[in-house]
Structures are given as structure tokens and as C-alpha cells.
Amino acid sequence: MTKTIVMIHGMWCGAWAWDHYKPFFEAKGYTCHTPTLRCHDVDPKAQPDPRVGVLSLKDYASDLEKLIMGLDEKPVLMGHSMGG
């Protein structure tokens, strides 16, 4: 069974959305990856990056595919909102 999890945040979030979940699973022996989706690396209180409006789900999927294909094993995918 895989011990790798990729946690995918939703729209208007960042990797920080998993701050309480990642330590929980790591304490159980999982390796957790919490990528920040393209153009989502802004302060949660700031205005969204305007480039988000021209991105498609395919853009995000492509970025995530590159990450996942580079892992040593097939991960469990855990998504929140749009990340699901």
C-alpha cells in the first residue's frame, strides 16, 4: 500500500490549506506533498492573482501530473474543493 499522499488545495487557497492535515498523516508514516497550484502563491488576505482567470483545469492537471509522475510510487490523491 502506498505511503505517499498528494494533497491538492482548492481555488483561492494555497498549500497552507493542509497545514493541520499534513502533520497528522506524517505522524502516521506518510510522505505528504502539498503543492501550491499555479498562480495561487499569494497571501490569503490579498487579491487573487489575475492570471487565475485565464487558467484552465487542464493547466492545473498538467502541473500536478508532472509532480506525480516524478514520485517513487503512485500516491493517494486528496483534494479539497476544486482540488478534488
N, C-alpha and C. Protein backbone atom coordinates (compact mmCIF):
# COMPACT_ATOMS: atom_id res chain seq x y z
N MET A 1 0.84 -1.18 0.00
CA MET A 1 0.00 0.00 0.00
C MET A 1 0.89 1.24 0.00
N THR A 2 0.48 2.24 -0.74
CA THR A 2 1.27 3.46 -0.85
C THR A 2 1.34 4.22 0.47
N LYS A 3 2.46 4.86 0.68
CA LYS A 3 2.64 5.70 1.87
C LYS A 3 2.90 7.15 1.44
N THR A 4 2.43 7.51 0.25
CA THR A 4 2.60 8.85 -0.28
C THR A 4 1.24 9.47 -0.55
N ILE A 5 1.07 10.70 -0.13
CA ILE A 5 -0.19 11.43 -0.36
C ILE A 5 0.14 12.75 -1.04
N VAL A 6 -0.61 13.08 -2.07
CA VAL A 6 -0.55 14.41 -2.69
C VAL A 6 -1.85 15.10 -2.31
N MET A 7 -1.73 16.20 -1.58
CA MET A 7 -2.88 16.95 -1.09
C MET A 7 -3.05 18.18 -1.98
N ILE A 8 -4.17 18.26 -2.67
CA ILE A 8 -4.42 19.31 -3.66
C ILE A 8 -5.46 20.28 -3.12
N HIS A 9 -5.04 21.51 -2.95
CA HIS A 9 -5.94 22.53 -2.39
C HIS A 9 -6.95 23.02 -3.42
N GLY A 10 -7.91 23.78 -2.97
CA GLY A 10 -8.94 24.32 -3.83
C GLY A 10 -8.64 25.74 -4.30
N MET A 11 -9.61 26.29 -5.01
CA MET A 11 -9.50 27.66 -5.52
C MET A 11 -9.45 28.64 -4.36
N TRP A 12 -8.68 29.67 -4.52
CA TRP A 12 -8.49 30.75 -3.53
C TRP A 12 -7.80 30.25 -2.26
N CYS A 13 -7.10 29.13 -2.38
CA CYS A 13 -6.32 28.59 -1.27
C CYS A 13 -4.87 28.42 -1.72
N GLY A 14 -4.08 27.88 -0.85
CA GLY A 14 -2.71 27.51 -1.16
C GLY A 14 -2.37 26.26 -0.37
N ALA A 15 -1.12 25.88 -0.40
CA ALA A 15 -0.67 24.69 0.34
C ALA A 15 -1.02 24.80 1.82
N TRP A 16 -1.11 26.02 2.31
CA TRP A 16 -1.44 26.26 3.73
C TRP A 16 -2.78 25.63 4.13
N ALA A 17 -3.64 25.34 3.17
CA ALA A 17 -4.94 24.73 3.49
C ALA A 17 -4.77 23.36 4.15
N TRP A 18 -3.61 22.75 3.97
CA TRP A 18 -3.34 21.42 4.51
C TRP A 18 -2.49 21.46 5.77
N ASP A 19 -2.26 22.63 6.33
CA ASP A 19 -1.36 22.77 7.48
C ASP A 19 -1.74 21.90 8.68
N HIS A 20 -3.00 21.62 8.89
CA HIS A 20 -3.41 20.80 10.03
C HIS A 20 -3.49 19.31 9.68
N TYR A 21 -3.61 19.01 8.40
CA TYR A 21 -3.75 17.62 7.96
C TYR A 21 -2.40 16.96 7.71
N LYS A 22 -1.48 17.71 7.11
CA LYS A 22 -0.18 17.16 6.76
C LYS A 22 0.54 16.56 7.98
N PRO A 23 0.67 17.28 9.11
CA PRO A 23 1.36 16.68 10.27
C PRO A 23 0.65 15.42 10.79
N PHE A 24 -0.66 15.39 10.71
CA PHE A 24 -1.42 14.22 11.17
C PHE A 24 -1.00 12.98 10.39
N PHE A 25 -0.98 13.10 9.05
CA PHE A 25 -0.64 11.96 8.22
C PHE A 25 0.85 11.64 8.28
N GLU A 26 1.70 12.65 8.39
CA GLU A 26 3.13 12.40 8.52
C GLU A 26 3.43 11.63 9.81
N ALA A 27 2.70 11.94 10.87
CA ALA A 27 2.89 11.23 12.14
C ALA A 27 2.50 9.75 12.01
N LYS A 28 1.71 9.43 11.01
CA LYS A 28 1.30 8.04 10.77
C LYS A 28 2.20 7.37 9.73
N GLY A 29 3.28 8.05 9.33
CA GLY A 29 4.26 7.45 8.43
C GLY A 29 4.11 7.76 6.96
N TYR A 30 3.21 8.66 6.61
CA TYR A 30 3.02 9.02 5.21
C TYR A 30 3.97 10.15 4.81
N THR A 31 4.37 10.14 3.56
CA THR A 31 5.08 11.26 2.95
C THR A 31 4.02 12.11 2.26
N CYS A 32 3.93 13.37 2.63
CA CYS A 32 2.88 14.24 2.10
C CYS A 32 3.46 15.34 1.23
N HIS A 33 2.85 15.54 0.09
CA HIS A 33 3.21 16.63 -0.81
C HIS A 33 2.02 17.57 -0.88
N THR A 34 2.28 18.86 -0.68
CA THR A 34 1.22 19.87 -0.70
C THR A 34 1.61 20.98 -1.67
N PRO A 35 1.51 20.69 -2.97
CA PRO A 35 1.90 21.71 -3.94
C PRO A 35 0.93 22.89 -3.92
N THR A 36 1.47 24.04 -4.24
CA THR A 36 0.63 25.23 -4.43
C THR A 36 0.32 25.33 -5.91
N LEU A 37 -0.94 25.36 -6.25
CA LEU A 37 -1.33 25.45 -7.66
C LEU A 37 -0.83 26.74 -8.28
N ARG A 38 -0.61 26.67 -9.57
CA ARG A 38 -0.10 27.81 -10.33
C ARG A 38 -0.92 29.08 -10.05
N CYS A 39 -0.22 30.16 -9.77
CA CYS A 39 -0.79 31.49 -9.52
C CYS A 39 -1.58 31.58 -8.22
N HIS A 40 -1.42 30.61 -7.33
CA HIS A 40 -2.11 30.64 -6.04
C HIS A 40 -1.15 30.94 -4.89
N ASP A 41 0.05 31.35 -5.20
CA ASP A 41 1.05 31.61 -4.16
C ASP A 41 0.96 33.06 -3.67
N VAL A 42 -0.22 33.42 -3.19
CA VAL A 42 -0.44 34.77 -2.66
C VAL A 42 -0.95 34.66 -1.22
N ASP A 43 -0.80 35.72 -0.50
CA ASP A 43 -1.30 35.79 0.87
C ASP A 43 -2.83 35.60 0.84
N PRO A 44 -3.38 34.80 1.75
CA PRO A 44 -4.82 34.55 1.73
C PRO A 44 -5.67 35.81 1.85
N LYS A 45 -5.11 36.88 2.39
CA LYS A 45 -5.87 38.12 2.54
C LYS A 45 -5.68 39.06 1.35
N ALA A 46 -4.79 38.70 0.42
CA ALA A 46 -4.51 39.54 -0.74
C ALA A 46 -5.51 39.26 -1.87
N GLN A 47 -5.54 40.15 -2.82
CA GLN A 47 -6.36 39.94 -4.02
C GLN A 47 -5.79 38.76 -4.80
N PRO A 48 -6.63 37.96 -5.45
CA PRO A 48 -6.14 36.84 -6.24
C PRO A 48 -5.27 37.32 -7.41
N ASP A 49 -4.36 36.50 -7.82
CA ASP A 49 -3.53 36.78 -8.99
C ASP A 49 -4.47 36.81 -10.20
N PRO A 50 -4.46 37.87 -11.00
CA PRO A 50 -5.39 37.96 -12.14
C PRO A 50 -5.16 36.88 -13.20
N ARG A 51 -3.98 36.26 -13.21
CA ARG A 51 -3.72 35.19 -14.18
C ARG A 51 -4.58 33.96 -13.92
N VAL A 52 -5.14 33.83 -12.71
CA VAL A 52 -6.00 32.69 -12.40
C VAL A 52 -7.18 32.66 -13.38
N GLY A 53 -7.64 33.81 -13.80
CA GLY A 53 -8.81 33.90 -14.68
C GLY A 53 -8.60 33.35 -16.08
N VAL A 54 -7.35 33.11 -16.47
CA VAL A 54 -7.10 32.58 -17.81
C VAL A 54 -6.59 31.14 -17.78
N LEU A 55 -6.48 30.57 -16.60
CA LEU A 55 -6.02 29.19 -16.48
C LEU A 55 -7.21 28.23 -16.56
N SER A 56 -6.95 27.04 -17.04
CA SER A 56 -8.00 26.02 -17.10
C SER A 56 -7.64 24.88 -16.15
N LEU A 57 -8.59 24.00 -15.93
CA LEU A 57 -8.32 22.82 -15.12
C LEU A 57 -7.22 21.97 -15.76
N LYS A 58 -7.14 22.00 -17.08
CA LYS A 58 -6.07 21.26 -17.77
C LYS A 58 -4.69 21.80 -17.40
N ASP A 59 -4.59 23.11 -17.21
CA ASP A 59 -3.31 23.70 -16.79
C ASP A 59 -2.89 23.15 -15.43
N TYR A 60 -3.83 23.14 -14.50
CA TYR A 60 -3.53 22.61 -13.16
C TYR A 60 -3.23 21.12 -13.22
N ALA A 61 -4.01 20.38 -14.00
CA ALA A 61 -3.80 18.93 -14.11
C ALA A 61 -2.42 18.62 -14.69
N SER A 62 -2.00 19.39 -15.67
CA SER A 62 -0.68 19.20 -16.27
C SER A 62 0.42 19.40 -15.24
N ASP A 63 0.30 20.46 -14.46
CA ASP A 63 1.30 20.73 -13.41
C ASP A 63 1.34 19.59 -12.40
N LEU A 64 0.17 19.13 -11.98
CA LEU A 64 0.10 18.05 -11.00
C LEU A 64 0.61 16.72 -11.57
N GLU A 65 0.33 16.49 -12.83
CA GLU A 65 0.81 15.26 -13.47
C GLU A 65 2.34 15.20 -13.44
N LYS A 66 2.99 16.32 -13.70
CA LYS A 66 4.46 16.36 -13.67
C LYS A 66 4.97 16.00 -12.28
N LEU A 67 4.35 16.55 -11.25
CA LEU A 67 4.74 16.24 -9.88
C LEU A 67 4.55 14.76 -9.60
N ILE A 68 3.37 14.25 -9.91
CA ILE A 68 3.01 12.87 -9.58
C ILE A 68 3.89 11.87 -10.34
N MET A 69 4.17 12.14 -11.59
CA MET A 69 4.99 11.23 -12.39
C MET A 69 6.43 11.17 -11.87
N GLY A 70 6.86 12.20 -11.13
CA GLY A 70 8.20 12.23 -10.59
C GLY A 70 8.33 11.54 -9.23
N LEU A 71 7.24 11.06 -8.69
CA LEU A 71 7.28 10.39 -7.39
C LEU A 71 7.72 8.93 -7.54
N ASP A 72 8.21 8.36 -6.46
CA ASP A 72 8.68 6.97 -6.45
C ASP A 72 7.56 5.94 -6.49
N GLU A 73 6.37 6.33 -6.09
CA GLU A 73 5.23 5.42 -6.09
C GLU A 73 3.96 6.19 -6.41
N LYS A 74 2.94 5.46 -6.83
CA LYS A 74 1.65 6.09 -7.09
C LYS A 74 1.08 6.57 -5.76
N PRO A 75 0.69 7.84 -5.68
CA PRO A 75 0.20 8.37 -4.42
C PRO A 75 -1.31 8.25 -4.26
N VAL A 76 -1.73 8.44 -3.03
CA VAL A 76 -3.13 8.71 -2.75
C VAL A 76 -3.34 10.18 -3.09
N LEU A 77 -4.39 10.50 -3.80
CA LEU A 77 -4.71 11.90 -4.10
C LEU A 77 -5.81 12.35 -3.15
N MET A 78 -5.56 13.46 -2.48
CA MET A 78 -6.54 14.01 -1.55
C MET A 78 -6.82 15.44 -2.01
N GLY A 79 -8.06 15.74 -2.33
CA GLY A 79 -8.37 17.06 -2.85
C GLY A 79 -9.43 17.78 -2.04
N HIS A 80 -9.33 19.09 -2.06
CA HIS A 80 -10.29 19.96 -1.39
C HIS A 80 -10.91 20.86 -2.44
N SER A 81 -12.22 20.95 -2.48
CA SER A 81 -12.93 21.85 -3.37
C SER A 81 -12.48 21.61 -4.83
N MET A 82 -11.99 22.63 -5.50
CA MET A 82 -11.56 22.49 -6.89
C MET A 82 -10.45 21.43 -7.01
N GLY A 83 -9.65 21.26 -5.98
CA GLY A 83 -8.59 20.26 -6.00
C GLY A 83 -9.10 18.85 -5.99
N GLY A 84 -10.37 18.69 -5.67
CA GLY A 84 -10.97 17.35 -5.65
C GLY A 84 -11.42 16.94 -7.01
